[in-house]
C-alpha atoms as a PDB file:
ATOM      1  CA  MET A   1     165.458 117.536  45.437  1.00  0.00           C
ATOM      2  CA  PRO A   2     168.527 119.375  44.940  1.00  0.00           C
ATOM      3  CA  SER A   3     168.567 121.031  41.625  1.00  0.00           C
ATOM      4  CA  TRP A   4     171.432 122.016  39.153  1.00  0.00           C
ATOM      5  CA  SER A   5     171.045 125.721  40.445  1.00  0.00           C
ATOM      6  CA  GLU A   6     170.763 124.945  44.154  1.00  0.00           C
ATOM      7  CA  ILE A   7     174.177 122.900  43.889  1.00  0.00           C
ATOM      8  CA  LEU A   8     175.336 126.096  41.923  1.00  0.00           C
ATOM      9  CA  ALA A   9     174.284 128.148  45.007  1.00  0.00           C
ATOM     10  CA  GLU A  10     176.177 125.827  47.572  1.00  0.00           C
ATOM     11  CA  LEU A  11     179.442 126.198  45.394  1.00  0.00           C
ATOM     12  CA  GLN A  12     179.097 129.913  45.383  1.00  0.00           C
ATOM     13  CA  GLN A  13     178.655 130.056  49.189  1.00  0.00           C
ATOM     14  CA  THR A  14     181.452 127.472  49.815  1.00  0.00           C
ATOM     15  CA  GLN A  15     183.890 129.409  47.790  1.00  0.00           C
ATOM     16  CA  SER A  16     183.222 132.623  49.631  1.00  0.00           C
ATOM     17  CA  GLN A  17     183.843 130.641  52.855  1.00  0.00           C
ATOM     18  CA  ILE A  18     187.182 129.057  51.777  1.00  0.00           C
ATOM     19  CA  GLY A  19     188.419 131.440  49.206  1.00  0.00           C
ATOM     20  CA  GLN A  20     189.060 128.964  46.390  1.00  0.00           C
ATOM     21  CA  PRO A  21     187.018 126.917  43.769  1.00  0.00           C
ATOM     22  CA  PRO A  22     185.234 124.215  45.858  1.00  0.00           C
ATOM     23  CA  PHE A  23     184.282 121.753  43.256  1.00  0.00           C
ATOM     24  CA  ASP A  24     186.161 118.822  44.599  1.00  0.00           C
ATOM     25  CA  VAL A  25     184.988 119.704  47.975  1.00  0.00           C
ATOM     26  CA  VAL A  26     181.440 119.914  47.354  1.00  0.00           C
ATOM     27  CA  ARG A  27     181.263 116.644  44.946  1.00  0.00           C
ATOM     28  CA  ARG A  28     183.427 114.570  47.568  1.00  0.00           C
ATOM     29  CA  LYS A  29     181.045 115.734  50.284  1.00  0.00           C
ATOM     30  CA  TYR A  30     177.789 114.186  48.568  1.00  0.00           C
ATOM     31  CA  LEU A  31     179.980 111.030  47.516  1.00  0.00           C
ATOM     32  CA  ALA A  32     180.776 110.518  51.226  1.00  0.00           C
ATOM     33  CA  LEU A  33     177.259 111.063  52.442  1.00  0.00           C
ATOM     34  CA  LEU A  34     175.873 108.886  49.723  1.00  0.00           C
ATOM     35  CA  ASN A  35     178.283 106.171  51.299  1.00  0.00           C
ATOM     36  CA  ARG A  36     176.913 106.879  54.768  1.00  0.00           C
ATOM     37  CA  ASN A  37     173.514 106.543  53.534  1.00  0.00           C
ATOM     38  CA  THR A  38     173.554 103.260  51.605  1.00  0.00           C
ATOM     39  CA  LYS A  39     176.593 101.607  53.606  1.00  0.00           C
ATOM     40  CA  ARG A  40     177.954 100.502  50.262  1.00  0.00           C
ATOM     41  CA  ASN A  41     181.179 101.574  48.403  1.00  0.00           C
ATOM     42  CA  VAL A  42     180.584 104.208  45.808  1.00  0.00           C
ATOM     43  CA  ILE A  43     182.704 104.984  42.779  1.00  0.00           C
ATOM     44  CA  LEU A  44     181.678 107.822  40.351  1.00  0.00           C
ATOM     45  CA  TYR A  45     182.774 107.331  36.617  1.00  0.00           C
ATOM     46  CA  ALA A  46     181.476 110.417  34.673  1.00  0.00           C
ATOM     47  CA  THR A  47     182.751 112.470  31.586  1.00  0.00           C
ATOM     48  CA  SER A  48     181.895 115.877  30.343  1.00  0.00           C
ATOM     49  CA  TRP A  49     180.302 114.528  27.131  1.00  0.00           C
ATOM     50  CA  THR A  50     177.047 116.346  27.428  1.00  0.00           C
ATOM     51  CA  GLN A  51     178.807 119.621  28.209  1.00  0.00           C
ATOM     52  CA  PRO A  52     179.006 122.063  25.436  1.00  0.00           C
ATOM     53  CA  ARG A  53     182.765 121.948  25.086  1.00  0.00           C
ATOM     54  CA  PRO A  54     184.572 121.586  21.618  1.00  0.00           C
ATOM     55  CA  ILE A  55     187.052 118.482  22.622  1.00  0.00           C
ATOM     56  CA  ASP A  56     188.003 115.278  20.897  1.00  0.00           C
ATOM     57  CA  PRO A  57     185.531 112.719  21.684  1.00  0.00           C
ATOM     58  CA  THR A  58     187.836 110.203  22.537  1.00  0.00           C
ATOM     59  CA  PHE A  59     188.864 112.219  25.719  1.00  0.00           C
ATOM     60  CA  THR A  60     185.214 111.325  27.239  1.00  0.00           C
ATOM     61  CA  SER A  61     185.105 107.762  25.711  1.00  0.00           C
ATOM     62  CA  ILE A  62     185.588 104.658  27.564  1.00  0.00           C
ATOM     63  CA  THR A  63     189.333 103.426  27.050  1.00  0.00           C
ATOM     64  CA  ASP A  64     191.732 100.979  28.396  1.00  0.00           C
ATOM     65  CA  GLU A  65     193.371 103.771  30.444  1.00  0.00           C
ATOM     66  CA  ASP A  66     190.311 103.762  32.589  1.00  0.00           C
ATOM     67  CA  VAL A  67     191.442 100.482  34.076  1.00  0.00           C
ATOM     68  CA  GLN A  68     194.129 102.373  35.589  1.00  0.00           C
ATOM     69  CA  GLY A  69     191.574 104.790  37.020  1.00  0.00           C
ATOM     70  CA  PHE A  70     189.565 102.172  38.477  1.00  0.00           C
ATOM     71  CA  MET A  71     192.604 100.473  40.105  1.00  0.00           C
ATOM     72  CA  GLU A  72     193.342 103.661  41.654  1.00  0.00           C
ATOM     73  CA  VAL A  73     189.838 104.233  43.287  1.00  0.00           C
ATOM     74  CA  VAL A  74     189.193 100.403  44.080  1.00  0.00           C
ATOM     75  CA  LYS A  75     192.309 100.388  46.355  1.00  0.00           C
ATOM     76  CA  GLY A  76     191.477 100.551  49.975  1.00  0.00           C
ATOM     77  CA  LEU A  77     187.937 100.018  49.662  1.00  0.00           C
ATOM     78  CA  LYS A  78     186.426  97.295  51.847  1.00  0.00           C
ATOM     79  CA  GLY A  79     183.533  94.922  51.263  1.00  0.00           C
ATOM     80  CA  ASP A  80     182.019  93.321  48.443  1.00  0.00           C
ATOM     81  CA  LYS A  81     179.089  95.868  47.401  1.00  0.00           C
ATOM     82  CA  LEU A  82     179.574  98.690  45.164  1.00  0.00           C
ATOM     83  CA  ASP A  83     177.330 101.375  43.787  1.00  0.00           C
ATOM     84  CA  LEU A  84     178.757 102.558  40.226  1.00  0.00           C
ATOM     85  CA  ILE A  85     177.613 105.840  39.352  1.00  0.00           C
ATOM     86  CA  LEU A  86     177.857 105.841  35.667  1.00  0.00           C
ATOM     87  CA  HIS A  87     177.570 108.801  33.080  1.00  0.00           C
ATOM     88  CA  SER A  88     179.175 108.112  29.650  1.00  0.00           C
ATOM     89  CA  PRO A  89     178.468 108.054  25.972  1.00  0.00           C
ATOM     90  CA  GLY A  90     180.480 104.792  25.486  1.00  0.00           C
ATOM     91  CA  GLY A  91     183.485 103.865  23.935  1.00  0.00           C
ATOM     92  CA  SER A  92     185.474 100.700  23.567  1.00  0.00           C
ATOM     93  CA  GLY A  93     183.385  97.597  24.149  1.00  0.00           C
ATOM     94  CA  ASP A  94     186.744  95.684  25.032  1.00  0.00           C
ATOM     95  CA  ALA A  95     187.874  98.283  27.324  1.00  0.00           C
ATOM     96  CA  GLY A  96     184.538  98.227  29.120  1.00  0.00           C
ATOM     97  CA  ALA A  97     184.827  94.192  29.110  1.00  0.00           C
ATOM     98  CA  ALA A  98     188.427  94.916  30.982  1.00  0.00           C
ATOM     99  CA  ILE A  99     186.576  97.217  33.385  1.00  0.00           C
ATOM    100  CA  VAL A 100     183.932  94.822  34.105  1.00  0.00           C
ATOM    101  CA  SER A 101     186.420  91.873  34.663  1.00  0.00           C
ATOM    102  CA  TYR A 102     188.247  93.836  37.114  1.00  0.00           C
ATOM    103  CA  LEU A 103     185.291  95.301  39.027  1.00  0.00           C
ATOM    104  CA  ARG A 104     183.587  91.592  39.312  1.00  0.00           C
ATOM    105  CA  SER A 105     187.067  90.338  40.592  1.00  0.00           C
ATOM    106  CA  LYS A 106     186.644  92.882  43.702  1.00  0.00           C
ATOM    107  CA  PHE A 107     182.848  93.076  44.092  1.00  0.00           C
ATOM    108  CA  LYS A 108     180.286  90.478  44.274  1.00  0.00           C
ATOM    109  CA  ASP A 109     177.002  92.761  44.330  1.00  0.00           C
ATOM    110  CA  ILE A 110     177.258  95.760  42.003  1.00  0.00           C
ATOM    111  CA  ARG A 111     174.360  98.242  41.564  1.00  0.00           C
ATOM    112  CA  VAL A 112     174.770 100.700  38.579  1.00  0.00           C
ATOM    113  CA  ILE A 113     173.198 103.927  39.093  1.00  0.00           C
ATOM    114  CA  VAL A 114     172.627 105.990  35.897  1.00  0.00           C
ATOM    115  CA  PRO A 115     171.915 109.702  36.968  1.00  0.00           C
ATOM    116  CA  GLN A 116     171.540 110.778  33.257  1.00  0.00           C
ATOM    117  CA  ALA A 117     172.534 108.406  30.580  1.00  0.00           C
ATOM    118  CA  ALA A 118     174.768 105.346  29.984  1.00  0.00           C
ATOM    119  CA  MET A 119     175.123 104.791  26.254  1.00  0.00           C
ATOM    120  CA  SER A 120     176.629 102.079  23.974  1.00  0.00           C
ATOM    121  CA  ALA A 121     179.616 100.306  25.950  1.00  0.00           C
ATOM    122  CA  ALA A 122     178.402 102.185  29.126  1.00  0.00           C
ATOM    123  CA  CYS A 123     174.965 100.550  28.750  1.00  0.00           C
ATOM    124  CA  MET A 124     177.288  97.126  28.211  1.00  0.00           C
ATOM    125  CA  ILE A 125     178.912  97.965  31.599  1.00  0.00           C
ATOM    126  CA  SER A 126     175.417  98.364  33.341  1.00  0.00           C
ATOM    127  CA  CYS A 127     174.228  95.140  32.237  1.00  0.00           C
ATOM    128  CA  ALA A 128     177.116  93.539  34.105  1.00  0.00           C
ATOM    129  CA  GLY A 129     175.418  95.063  37.467  1.00  0.00           C
ATOM    130  CA  ASN A 130     172.918  92.979  39.681  1.00  0.00           C
ATOM    131  CA  THR A 131     170.657  95.838  38.979  1.00  0.00           C
ATOM    132  CA  ILE A 132     170.543  99.381  37.375  1.00  0.00           C
ATOM    133  CA  VAL A 133     169.057 102.289  39.149  1.00  0.00           C
ATOM    134  CA  MET A 134     167.369 104.811  36.762  1.00  0.00           C
ATOM    135  CA  GLY A 135     165.440 107.839  37.227  1.00  0.00           C
ATOM    136  CA  LYS A 136     162.163 109.057  35.108  1.00  0.00           C
ATOM    137  CA  HIS A 137     164.990 111.016  33.177  1.00  0.00           C
ATOM    138  CA  SER A 138     167.595 108.448  32.728  1.00  0.00           C
ATOM    139  CA  SER A 139     168.528 106.718  29.616  1.00  0.00           C
ATOM    140  CA  LEU A 140     170.409 103.684  28.379  1.00  0.00           C
ATOM    141  CA  GLY A 141     171.553 103.260  24.799  1.00  0.00           C
ATOM    142  CA  PRO A 142     171.784 100.606  22.325  1.00  0.00           C
ATOM    143  CA  ILE A 143     174.666  98.373  22.308  1.00  0.00           C
ATOM    144  CA  ASP A 144     175.207  97.535  18.503  1.00  0.00           C
ATOM    145  CA  PRO A 145     178.798  98.292  17.509  1.00  0.00           C
ATOM    146  CA  GLN A 146     179.837 101.122  15.563  1.00  0.00           C
ATOM    147  CA  MET A 147     182.732 100.703  12.922  1.00  0.00           C
ATOM    148  CA  ILE A 148     185.156 103.318  12.437  1.00  0.00           C
ATOM    149  CA  LEU A 149     185.499 104.279   8.661  1.00  0.00           C
ATOM    150  CA  LYS A 150     187.906 106.659   6.708  1.00  0.00           C
ATOM    151  CA  THR A 151     185.485 108.218   3.922  1.00  0.00           C
ATOM    152  CA  GLN A 152     185.959 110.899   1.477  1.00  0.00           C
ATOM    153  CA  LEU A 153     183.951 113.159   3.845  1.00  0.00           C
ATOM    154  CA  GLY A 154     186.438 112.448   6.856  1.00  0.00           C
ATOM    155  CA  VAL A 155     186.253 109.650   9.724  1.00  0.00           C
ATOM    156  CA  ARG A 156     182.849 108.246  10.568  1.00  0.00           C
ATOM    157  CA  TYR A 157     181.355 106.099  12.997  1.00  0.00           C
ATOM    158  CA  VAL A 158     178.888 103.671  11.399  1.00  0.00           C
ATOM    159  CA  PRO A 159     176.501 100.937  12.632  1.00  0.00           C
ATOM    160  CA  ALA A 160     177.697  97.636  12.053  1.00  0.00           C
ATOM    161  CA  GLN A 161     174.449  96.334  10.993  1.00  0.00           C
ATOM    162  CA  ALA A 162     173.763  99.310   8.605  1.00  0.00           C
ATOM    163  CA  ILE A 163     177.002  98.319   6.810  1.00  0.00           C
ATOM    164  CA  LEU A 164     175.673  94.845   6.494  1.00  0.00           C
ATOM    165  CA  ASP A 165     172.342  95.817   5.471  1.00  0.00           C
ATOM    166  CA  GLN A 166     173.765  98.200   2.909  1.00  0.00           C
ATOM    167  CA  PHE A 167     175.831  95.625   1.243  1.00  0.00           C
ATOM    168  CA  GLU A 168     172.767  93.425   1.072  1.00  0.00           C
ATOM    169  CA  LEU A 169     170.892  96.210  -0.555  1.00  0.00           C
ATOM    170  CA  ALA A 170     173.656  96.915  -2.894  1.00  0.00           C
ATOM    171  CA  LYS A 171     173.879  93.375  -4.189  1.00  0.00           C
ATOM    172  CA  LYS A 172     170.134  93.341  -5.009  1.00  0.00           C
ATOM    173  CA  GLU A 173     170.184  96.661  -6.762  1.00  0.00           C
ATOM    174  CA  CYS A 174     173.383  95.970  -8.720  1.00  0.00           C
ATOM    175  CA  GLN A 175     171.929  93.138 -10.603  1.00  0.00           C
ATOM    176  CA  ASP A 176     170.468  96.054 -12.824  1.00  0.00           C
ATOM    177  CA  PRO A 177     173.506  97.524 -14.645  1.00  0.00           C
ATOM    178  CA  LYS A 178     172.001 100.863 -14.611  1.00  0.00           C
ATOM    179  CA  LYS A 179     172.555 101.085 -10.937  1.00  0.00           C
ATOM    180  CA  LEU A 180     176.087 100.024 -10.758  1.00  0.00           C
ATOM    181  CA  GLY A 181     177.216 103.439 -11.687  1.00  0.00           C
ATOM    182  CA  SER A 182     175.681 104.839  -8.453  1.00  0.00           C
ATOM    183  CA  TRP A 183     176.788 102.319  -6.016  1.00  0.00           C
ATOM    184  CA  ALA A 184     180.342 102.129  -7.324  1.00  0.00           C
ATOM    185  CA  PRO A 185     181.728 105.079  -4.959  1.00  0.00           C
ATOM    186  CA  ILE A 186     180.007 103.648  -2.145  1.00  0.00           C
ATOM    187  CA  LEU A 187     181.179 100.019  -2.418  1.00  0.00           C
ATOM    188  CA  VAL A 188     184.835 101.125  -3.014  1.00  0.00           C
ATOM    189  CA  GLN A 189     184.922 102.436   0.776  1.00  0.00           C
ATOM    190  CA  TYR A 190     184.456  98.721   1.715  1.00  0.00           C
ATOM    191  CA  GLY A 191     187.604  97.314   2.879  1.00  0.00           C
ATOM    192  CA  PRO A 192     188.345  93.222   2.132  1.00  0.00           C
ATOM    193  CA  ALA A 193     187.444  92.497   5.839  1.00  0.00           C
ATOM    194  CA  LEU A 194     184.799  95.033   6.753  1.00  0.00           C
ATOM    195  CA  LEU A 195     181.891  92.827   6.357  1.00  0.00           C
ATOM    196  CA  ILE A 196     183.395  89.974   8.360  1.00  0.00           C
ATOM    197  CA  GLU A 197     184.564  92.597  11.038  1.00  0.00           C
ATOM    198  CA  SER A 198     180.984  93.872  11.327  1.00  0.00           C
ATOM    199  CA  GLN A 199     179.466  90.591  11.551  1.00  0.00           C
ATOM    200  CA  ASN A 200     182.053  89.535  14.354  1.00  0.00           C
ATOM    201  CA  ALA A 201     181.478  92.946  16.318  1.00  0.00           C
ATOM    202  CA  LEU A 202     177.742  92.274  16.476  1.00  0.00           C
ATOM    203  CA  LYS A 203     178.290  88.732  17.556  1.00  0.00           C
ATOM    204  CA  SER A 204     180.747  89.837  20.195  1.00  0.00           C
ATOM    205  CA  SER A 205     178.763  92.817  21.536  1.00  0.00           C
ATOM    206  CA  GLU A 206     175.600  90.449  22.042  1.00  0.00           C
ATOM    207  CA  SER A 207     177.694  87.471  23.658  1.00  0.00           C
ATOM    208  CA  ILE A 208     179.291  89.745  26.040  1.00  0.00           C
ATOM    209  CA  VAL A 209     176.347  91.079  27.308  1.00  0.00           C
ATOM    210  CA  SER A 210     174.348  88.098  27.291  1.00  0.00           C
ATOM    211  CA  ASN A 211     177.227  86.300  29.374  1.00  0.00           C
ATOM    212  CA  TRP A 212     177.131  89.187  31.974  1.00  0.00           C
ATOM    213  CA  LEU A 213     173.336  89.222  32.255  1.00  0.00           C
ATOM    214  CA  GLU A 214     173.063  85.323  32.557  1.00  0.00           C
ATOM    215  CA  ALA A 215     176.082  85.314  35.390  1.00  0.00           C
ATOM    216  CA  TYR A 216     174.968  88.566  37.116  1.00  0.00           C
ATOM    217  CA  MET A 217     171.518  90.185  36.659  1.00  0.00           C
ATOM    218  CA  PHE A 218     169.378  87.032  35.802  1.00  0.00           C
ATOM    219  CA  ALA A 219     171.555  84.456  38.071  1.00  0.00           C
ATOM    220  CA  HIS A 220     168.765  84.210  40.448  1.00  0.00           C
ATOM    221  CA  LEU A 221     166.308  82.800  37.848  1.00  0.00           C
ATOM    222  CA  GLY A 222     167.936  79.456  37.389  1.00  0.00           C
ATOM    223  CA  SER A 223     170.536  78.522  34.777  1.00  0.00           C
ATOM    224  CA  ARG A 224     168.217  77.622  31.719  1.00  0.00           C
ATOM    225  CA  LYS A 225     165.738  80.632  32.195  1.00  0.00           C
ATOM    226  CA  ALA A 226     168.586  82.982  32.928  1.00  0.00           C
ATOM    227  CA  LYS A 227     170.346  81.735  29.709  1.00  0.00           C
ATOM    228  CA  ASN A 228     167.222  82.305  27.873  1.00  0.00           C
ATOM    229  CA  LEU A 229     166.422  85.664  28.994  1.00  0.00           C
ATOM    230  CA  ALA A 230     170.024  87.105  28.591  1.00  0.00           C
ATOM    231  CA  LYS A 231     170.221  86.038  24.932  1.00  0.00           C
ATOM    232  CA  LYS A 232     166.959  87.745  24.383  1.00  0.00           C
ATOM    233  CA  THR A 233     167.778  90.792  26.091  1.00  0.00           C
ATOM    234  CA  ALA A 234     171.437  91.170  24.513  1.00  0.00           C
ATOM    235  CA  LYS A 235     169.645  90.582  21.181  1.00  0.00           C
ATOM    236  CA  GLN A 236     167.142  93.359  21.735  1.00  0.00           C
ATOM    237  CA  LEU A 237     169.626  95.893  22.754  1.00  0.00           C
ATOM    238  CA  ALA A 238     171.813  95.169  20.037  1.00  0.00           C
ATOM    239  CA  ASN A 239     169.011  95.515  17.416  1.00  0.00           C
ATOM    240  CA  HIS A 240     169.773  98.426  15.275  1.00  0.00           C
ATOM    241  CA  GLN A 241     166.970  97.899  12.785  1.00  0.00           C
ATOM    242  CA  TYR A 242     164.564  98.305  15.839  1.00  0.00           C
ATOM    243  CA  PHE A 243     166.359 101.633  17.210  1.00  0.00           C
ATOM    244  CA  LYS A 244     167.161 102.927  13.750  1.00  0.00           C
ATOM    245  CA  SER A 245     169.797 105.284  15.708  1.00  0.00           C
ATOM    246  CA  HIS A 246     172.871 104.464  18.007  1.00  0.00           C
ATOM    247  CA  SER A 247     171.933 107.486  20.018  1.00  0.00           C
ATOM    248  CA  TYR A 248     168.399 106.225  20.779  1.00  0.00           C
ATOM    249  CA  HIS A 249     167.512 106.814  24.382  1.00  0.00           C
ATOM    250  CA  ILE A 250     165.983 103.890  25.990  1.00  0.00           C
ATOM    251  CA  ASN A 251     164.066 104.936  29.056  1.00  0.00           C
ATOM    252  CA  ARG A 252     163.515 102.659  32.270  1.00  0.00           C
ATOM    253  CA  GLU A 253     160.122 101.355  31.280  1.00  0.00           C
ATOM    254  CA  GLU A 254     161.534 100.355  27.775  1.00  0.00           C
ATOM    255  CA  ALA A 255     164.546  98.863  29.550  1.00  0.00           C
ATOM    256  CA  ARG A 256     162.089  96.732  31.830  1.00  0.00           C
ATOM    257  CA  SER A 257     160.359  95.561  28.804  1.00  0.00           C
ATOM    258  CA  PHE A 258     163.421  94.154  27.466  1.00  0.00           C
ATOM    259  CA  GLY A 259     163.977  92.060  30.653  1.00  0.00           C
ATOM    260  CA  LEU A 260     166.659  94.408  32.444  1.00  0.00           C
ATOM    261  CA  ILE A 261     166.141  94.728  36.345  1.00  0.00           C
ATOM    262  CA  ILE A 262     165.657  98.440  37.028  1.00  0.00           C
ATOM    263  CA  GLU A 263     165.250  99.928  40.346  1.00  0.00           C
ATOM    264  CA  ASP A 264     163.465 103.515  40.645  1.00  0.00           C
ATOM    265  CA  LEU A 265     165.679 106.386  41.779  1.00  0.00           C
ATOM    266  CA  GLU A 266     162.889 108.105  43.161  1.00  0.00           C
ATOM    267  CA  LYS A 267     161.935 105.129  45.520  1.00  0.00           C
ATOM    268  CA  LYS A 268     163.894 106.824  48.416  1.00  0.00           C
ATOM    269  CA  GLN A 269     164.072 110.355  48.561  1.00  0.00           C
ATOM    270  CA  LYS A 270     167.272 110.540  50.723  1.00  0.00           C
ATOM    271  CA  PHE A 271     169.061 108.293  48.137  1.00  0.00           C
ATOM    272  CA  GLN A 272     167.748 110.207  45.084  1.00  0.00           C
ATOM    273  CA  ASP A 273     168.732 113.550  46.502  1.00  0.00           C
ATOM    274  CA  LEU A 274     172.151 112.166  47.333  1.00  0.00           C
ATOM    275  CA  VAL A 275     172.785 110.612  43.995  1.00  0.00           C
ATOM    276  CA  LEU A 276     171.760 113.843  42.037  1.00  0.00           C
ATOM    277  CA  SER A 277     173.725 116.017  44.303  1.00  0.00           C
ATOM    278  CA  VAL A 278     176.784 114.062  43.231  1.00  0.00           C
ATOM    279  CA  PHE A 279     175.836 114.314  39.495  1.00  0.00           C
ATOM    280  CA  HIS A 280     174.885 118.032  39.888  1.00  0.00           C
ATOM    281  CA  SER A 281     178.134 118.750  41.528  1.00  0.00           C
ATOM    282  CA  THR A 282     180.108 116.706  38.992  1.00  0.00           C
ATOM    283  CA  THR A 283     178.491 118.690  35.962  1.00  0.00           C
ATOM    284  CA  HIS A 284     179.561 121.874  37.572  1.00  0.00           C
ATOM    285  CA  THR A 285     183.194 120.627  37.933  1.00  0.00           C
ATOM    286  CA  PHE A 286     183.205 119.916  34.233  1.00  0.00           C
ATOM    287  CA  ASP A 287     181.618 123.402  33.586  1.00  0.00           C
ATOM    288  CA  GLY A 288     184.063 125.266  35.662  1.00  0.00           C
ATOM    289  CA  THR A 289     187.416 123.107  35.465  1.00  0.00           C
ATOM    290  CA  PRO A 290     189.458 121.484  32.577  1.00  0.00           C
ATOM    291  CA  ALA A 291     188.381 118.118  33.851  1.00  0.00           C
ATOM    292  CA  VAL A 292     186.688 116.173  31.088  1.00  0.00           C
ATOM    293  CA  LYS A 293     186.692 112.635  32.802  1.00  0.00           C
ATOM    294  CA  ILE A 294     186.423 111.673  36.737  1.00  0.00           C
ATOM    295  CA  ILE A 295     186.843 108.444  38.354  1.00  0.00           C
ATOM    296  CA  GLU A 296     186.357 108.763  41.930  1.00  0.00           C
ATOM    297  CA  ASN A 297     185.352 107.041  45.180  1.00  0.00           C
ATOM    298  CA  HIS A 298     183.625 108.030  48.427  1.00  0.00           C
ATOM    299  CA  LYS A 299     186.938 108.538  50.345  1.00  0.00           C
ATOM    300  CA  GLY A 300     188.020 111.157  47.748  1.00  0.00           C
ATOM    301  CA  ARG A 301     190.792 108.871  46.000  1.00  0.00           C
ATOM    302  CA  ALA A 302     190.511 110.035  42.222  1.00  0.00           C
ATOM    303  CA  PHE A 303     191.805 109.426  38.643  1.00  0.00           C
ATOM    304  CA  ILE A 304     190.980 112.801  36.658  1.00  0.00           C
ATOM    305  CA  LYS A 305     191.505 113.555  33.102  1.00  0.00           C
ATOM    306  CA  ALA A 306     191.966 117.061  32.306  1.00  0.00           C
ATOM    307  CA  VAL A 307     192.215 118.845  28.876  1.00  0.00           C
ATOM    308  CA  ARG A 308     193.167 122.529  29.209  1.00  0.00           C
ATOM    309  CA  MET A 309     191.592 124.848  26.526  1.00  0.00           C
ATOM    310  CA  VAL A 310     192.422 128.440  25.910  1.00  0.00           C
ATOM    311  CA  PRO A 311     190.269 130.185  25.524  1.00  0.00           C
ATOM    312  CA  PRO A 312     187.999 130.114  27.406  1.00  0.00           C
ATOM    313  CA  PRO A 313     189.685 130.337  30.842  1.00  0.00           C
ATOM    314  CA  ALA A 314     188.603 128.060  33.663  1.00  0.00           C
ATOM    315  CA  GLN A 315     185.092 129.155  35.067  1.00  0.00           C
ATOM    316  CA  SER A 316     184.507 130.051  38.814  1.00  0.00           C
ATOM    317  CA  PRO A 317     181.168 129.030  40.177  1.00  0.00           C
ATOM    318  CA  SER A 318     180.492 132.713  40.925  1.00  0.00           C
ATOM    319  CA  GLN A 319     178.656 132.876  37.637  1.00  0.00           C
ATOM    320  CA  PRO A 320     176.394 130.228  36.329  1.00  0.00           C
ATOM    321  CA  PRO A 321     178.087 128.247  33.403  1.00  0.00           C
ATOM    322  CA  GLN A 322     176.454 128.824  30.060  1.00  0.00           C
ATOM    323  CA  ARG A 323     174.296 125.705  29.424  1.00  0.00           C
ATOM    324  CA  PRO A 324     172.225 124.652  26.257  1.00  0.00           C
ATOM    325  CA  ALA A 325     168.467 124.170  26.921  1.00  0.00           C
ATOM    326  CA  SER A 326     168.962 120.531  26.868  1.00  0.00           C
ATOM    327  CA  PRO A 327     171.665 118.039  26.809  1.00  0.00           C
ATOM    328  CA  ASN A 328     172.834 117.068  23.244  1.00  0.00           C
ATOM    329  CA  PRO A 329     174.531 113.471  23.749  1.00  0.00           C
END
């Protein structure tokens, strides 16, 4: 299996041969090889969210702009089968829904490949696939929606379910006048529509994922069984009270226990090698260039978002980029 350091060595060797940073050359080589191996269209959607870079998280989030990126890379692709390599912390659920709507208008069979993690809205997109491919190290994330609140401590992302649970606790405890003083500064942050918005966000997240699961991943089960399983699975994925944290990492065995159809990345060695080579070369691209988001197909057509930061300067593959001991999603 090609490791992170082996791809780095290839980048160093390629640079010495062509005399320029070879990030795009190597990454695109493996995307093309993966296409040849599977005979399926391949699209990479990845962001630098697991790299140690101090940037605005909105740059690595799923946004409506990404629809333009997918339009760019879908152009010219033939056939109705797609492998979507997905590495993302999530973002706008509505933008994710727009992406799914567009991809499903173009492809009948979508296999979502998660080389490391697809969290939140990225997990929602994964649920619109016919199957999800995960390795032993891969993770999905809960789909419970997060509400953006402006507090005295700054802008915070707060689970919608936590807001509802906290309000119920407040109603109970505020029956004791002695506790009103403690709750007052907390409750004043609740806008007039926050509770309703939280309830609607929860219902929307579950409903969207349930509909996708029923229509695609579970369609072969028959109408009634597919509908029931889709509702059960979506409800579990959105259950904040079960996960306790929006950043909870769901491994493939737990994902299977929820009903999702998961394929093992390790089932075919060549396939695994090519997927991980694409992923490792992508993370090297993020380490050595200003790129923070890459949407790209196996033909080299790409939509790349870059954020220039000074310092530090762009890194060459001649030296290993500094990485933490373990990713911090």
